Amino acid sequence: MGDYEHKTNRGSMFRNEKKEKESQPDERGTINIEGRLFWISSWWEKTRDGREYQSISVAPIEEGKRRERPRSGPESRGNQSRARSQHREERRRERPPRNDYNPPPADGDDIPF
């Protein structure tokens, strides 16, 4: 990644050639958002039905510490798994409940009042 400076709202990611553990990102790089620099890391994941997607983590680069990288993003991998589980639970709560029961249409005669 060298000393290259990105234009505003631009960034780049590179394959993590030093990946040794599953918790380490598959790709990493830097991004400039509104003039502020961030580390960006991504992991390739699969959905339940087998589709691939990228899970992304972003952490601010502190002034004077550009060379130091977070070990595996701003959160530990365990915290990311916990955050992902919480996100799934929130999505589940947002969905309307599944109603498999389809009552017969009311014709008015079956109503007891």
C-alpha atoms as a PDB file:
ATOM      1  CA  MET A   1       0.000   0.000   0.000  1.00  0.00           C
ATOM      2  CA  GLY A   2       3.041   2.238   0.374  1.00  0.00           C
ATOM      3  CA  ASP A   3       2.710   5.970   0.835  1.00  0.00           C
ATOM      4  CA  TYR A   4       0.010   6.433  -1.793  1.00  0.00           C
ATOM      5  CA  GLU A   5      -2.674   8.932  -0.785  1.00  0.00           C
ATOM      6  CA  HIS A   6      -6.215   8.281  -2.039  1.00  0.00           C
ATOM      7  CA  LYS A   7      -8.382  10.991  -3.487  1.00  0.00           C
ATOM      8  CA  THR A   8     -11.399  11.918  -1.362  1.00  0.00           C
ATOM      9  CA  ASN A   9     -13.998   9.133  -1.170  1.00  0.00           C
ATOM     10  CA  ARG A  10     -11.682   6.613  -2.814  1.00  0.00           C
ATOM     11  CA  GLY A  11      -9.807   3.602  -1.488  1.00  0.00           C
ATOM     12  CA  SER A  12      -8.204   0.324  -2.406  1.00  0.00           C
ATOM     13  CA  MET A  13      -8.032  -3.192  -1.036  1.00  0.00           C
ATOM     14  CA  PHE A  14      -5.480  -5.917  -1.616  1.00  0.00           C
ATOM     15  CA  ARG A  15      -5.477  -9.667  -1.007  1.00  0.00           C
ATOM     16  CA  ASN A  16      -4.031 -10.406   2.436  1.00  0.00           C
ATOM     17  CA  GLU A  17      -0.976 -12.438   1.446  1.00  0.00           C
ATOM     18  CA  LYS A  18      -0.016 -12.860   5.134  1.00  0.00           C
ATOM     19  CA  LYS A  19      -3.311 -14.470   6.231  1.00  0.00           C
ATOM     20  CA  GLU A  20      -2.593 -17.335   8.636  1.00  0.00           C
ATOM     21  CA  LYS A  21      -5.860 -17.682  10.554  1.00  0.00           C
ATOM     22  CA  GLU A  22      -9.519 -17.629   9.587  1.00  0.00           C
ATOM     23  CA  SER A  23     -10.048 -14.586  11.833  1.00  0.00           C
ATOM     24  CA  GLN A  24      -7.666 -12.506   9.724  1.00  0.00           C
ATOM     25  CA  PRO A  25      -9.196 -10.600   6.781  1.00  0.00           C
ATOM     26  CA  ASP A  26      -9.095 -11.994   3.254  1.00  0.00           C
ATOM     27  CA  GLU A  27      -8.493  -8.489   1.904  1.00  0.00           C
ATOM     28  CA  ARG A  28      -7.408  -5.225   3.490  1.00  0.00           C
ATOM     29  CA  GLY A  29      -6.558  -1.686   2.547  1.00  0.00           C
ATOM     30  CA  THR A  30      -7.297   1.962   3.184  1.00  0.00           C
ATOM     31  CA  ILE A  31     -10.044   4.367   2.202  1.00  0.00           C
ATOM     32  CA  ASN A  32     -10.340   8.161   2.337  1.00  0.00           C
ATOM     33  CA  ILE A  33     -13.819   9.262   3.408  1.00  0.00           C
ATOM     34  CA  GLU A  34     -14.343  13.013   3.360  1.00  0.00           C
ATOM     35  CA  GLY A  35     -10.601  13.540   3.876  1.00  0.00           C
ATOM     36  CA  ARG A  36     -10.317  11.119   6.816  1.00  0.00           C
ATOM     37  CA  LEU A  37      -8.329   7.873   6.453  1.00  0.00           C
ATOM     38  CA  PHE A  38      -9.687   4.479   7.521  1.00  0.00           C
ATOM     39  CA  TRP A  39      -8.433   0.893   7.496  1.00  0.00           C
ATOM     40  CA  ILE A  40     -10.824  -1.371   5.614  1.00  0.00           C
ATOM     41  CA  SER A  41     -10.855  -5.164   5.935  1.00  0.00           C
ATOM     42  CA  SER A  42     -13.091  -7.785   4.366  1.00  0.00           C
ATOM     43  CA  TRP A  43     -13.842 -11.467   4.785  1.00  0.00           C
ATOM     44  CA  TRP A  44     -15.517 -13.635   2.153  1.00  0.00           C
ATOM     45  CA  GLU A  45     -18.557 -15.361   3.674  1.00  0.00           C
ATOM     46  CA  LYS A  46     -21.412 -17.539   2.391  1.00  0.00           C
ATOM     47  CA  THR A  47     -25.131 -17.225   2.987  1.00  0.00           C
ATOM     48  CA  ARG A  48     -27.184 -20.231   4.027  1.00  0.00           C
ATOM     49  CA  ASP A  49     -28.097 -20.833   0.400  1.00  0.00           C
ATOM     50  CA  GLY A  50     -24.416 -20.719  -0.673  1.00  0.00           C
ATOM     51  CA  ARG A  51     -24.177 -17.236  -2.193  1.00  0.00           C
ATOM     52  CA  GLU A  52     -20.894 -15.444  -1.522  1.00  0.00           C
ATOM     53  CA  TYR A  53     -20.708 -11.969  -0.024  1.00  0.00           C
ATOM     54  CA  GLN A  54     -18.121  -9.795   1.694  1.00  0.00           C
ATOM     55  CA  SER A  55     -18.308  -8.906   5.359  1.00  0.00           C
ATOM     56  CA  ILE A  56     -16.556  -5.544   5.809  1.00  0.00           C
ATOM     57  CA  SER A  57     -14.942  -3.829   8.782  1.00  0.00           C
ATOM     58  CA  VAL A  58     -13.763  -0.204   8.896  1.00  0.00           C
ATOM     59  CA  ALA A  59     -11.574   1.426  11.578  1.00  0.00           C
ATOM     60  CA  PRO A  60     -10.215   4.982  11.710  1.00  0.00           C
ATOM     61  CA  ILE A  61      -6.481   5.459  11.206  1.00  0.00           C
ATOM     62  CA  GLU A  62      -5.184   7.569  14.066  1.00  0.00           C
ATOM     63  CA  GLU A  63      -2.782  10.372  13.186  1.00  0.00           C
ATOM     64  CA  GLY A  64       0.842   9.271  13.498  1.00  0.00           C
ATOM     65  CA  LYS A  65      -0.144   5.573  13.563  1.00  0.00           C
ATOM     66  CA  ARG A  66      -0.651   4.947   9.845  1.00  0.00           C
ATOM     67  CA  ARG A  67       1.651   1.904   9.824  1.00  0.00           C
ATOM     68  CA  GLU A  68      -0.153   0.129  12.673  1.00  0.00           C
ATOM     69  CA  ARG A  69      -3.048  -2.032  11.577  1.00  0.00           C
ATOM     70  CA  PRO A  70      -5.804  -3.442  13.732  1.00  0.00           C
ATOM     71  CA  ARG A  71      -5.155  -7.159  14.193  1.00  0.00           C
ATOM     72  CA  SER A  72      -8.383  -8.150  12.522  1.00  0.00           C
ATOM     73  CA  GLY A  73     -10.457  -5.024  12.173  1.00  0.00           C
ATOM     74  CA  PRO A  74     -11.821  -2.762  14.890  1.00  0.00           C
ATOM     75  CA  GLU A  75     -13.482  -5.671  16.635  1.00  0.00           C
ATOM     76  CA  SER A  76     -12.135  -9.073  17.445  1.00  0.00           C
ATOM     77  CA  ARG A  77     -13.525 -11.858  15.260  1.00  0.00           C
ATOM     78  CA  GLY A  78     -15.569 -13.136  18.214  1.00  0.00           C
ATOM     79  CA  ASN A  79     -17.221  -9.761  18.620  1.00  0.00           C
ATOM     80  CA  GLN A  80     -17.948  -9.650  14.908  1.00  0.00           C
ATOM     81  CA  SER A  81     -19.665 -13.033  15.146  1.00  0.00           C
ATOM     82  CA  ARG A  82     -21.688 -11.751  18.095  1.00  0.00           C
ATOM     83  CA  ALA A  83     -22.556  -8.562  16.178  1.00  0.00           C
ATOM     84  CA  ARG A  84     -23.559 -10.632  13.141  1.00  0.00           C
ATOM     85  CA  SER A  85     -25.832 -12.802  15.333  1.00  0.00           C
ATOM     86  CA  GLN A  86     -27.414  -9.684  16.843  1.00  0.00           C
ATOM     87  CA  HIS A  87     -27.968  -8.285  13.359  1.00  0.00           C
ATOM     88  CA  ARG A  88     -29.675 -11.520  12.254  1.00  0.00           C
ATOM     89  CA  GLU A  89     -31.907 -11.420  15.339  1.00  0.00           C
ATOM     90  CA  GLU A  90     -32.867  -7.797  14.626  1.00  0.00           C
ATOM     91  CA  ARG A  91     -33.724  -8.714  11.030  1.00  0.00           C
ATOM     92  CA  ARG A  92     -35.844 -11.610  12.292  1.00  0.00           C
ATOM     93  CA  ARG A  93     -37.752  -9.250  14.600  1.00  0.00           C
ATOM     94  CA  GLU A  94     -38.348  -6.812  11.725  1.00  0.00           C
ATOM     95  CA  ARG A  95     -39.949  -9.477   9.552  1.00  0.00           C
ATOM     96  CA  PRO A  96     -43.698  -9.932   9.887  1.00  0.00           C
ATOM     97  CA  PRO A  97     -44.560 -13.209  11.611  1.00  0.00           C
ATOM     98  CA  ARG A  98     -45.153 -16.134   9.321  1.00  0.00           C
ATOM     99  CA  ASN A  99     -48.769 -17.176   9.387  1.00  0.00           C
ATOM    100  CA  ASP A 100     -49.264 -20.597   7.866  1.00  0.00           C
ATOM    101  CA  TYR A 101     -52.849 -20.817   9.126  1.00  0.00           C
ATOM    102  CA  ASN A 102     -55.348 -19.750   6.493  1.00  0.00           C
ATOM    103  CA  PRO A 103     -58.828 -19.809   8.013  1.00  0.00           C
ATOM    104  CA  PRO A 104     -61.760 -20.470   5.729  1.00  0.00           C
ATOM    105  CA  PRO A 105     -63.472 -17.309   4.492  1.00  0.00           C
ATOM    106  CA  ALA A 106     -66.158 -16.093   6.876  1.00  0.00           C
ATOM    107  CA  ASP A 107     -69.655 -16.115   5.385  1.00  0.00           C
ATOM    108  CA  GLY A 108     -71.201 -14.431   8.395  1.00  0.00           C
ATOM    109  CA  ASP A 109     -73.191 -17.467   9.663  1.00  0.00           C
ATOM    110  CA  ASP A 110     -70.369 -18.898  11.830  1.00  0.00           C
ATOM    111  CA  ILE A 111     -69.912 -15.800  13.984  1.00  0.00           C
ATOM    112  CA  PRO A 112     -71.360 -16.527  17.472  1.00  0.00           C
ATOM    113  CA  PHE A 113     -72.412 -12.937  18.253  1.00  0.00           C
END
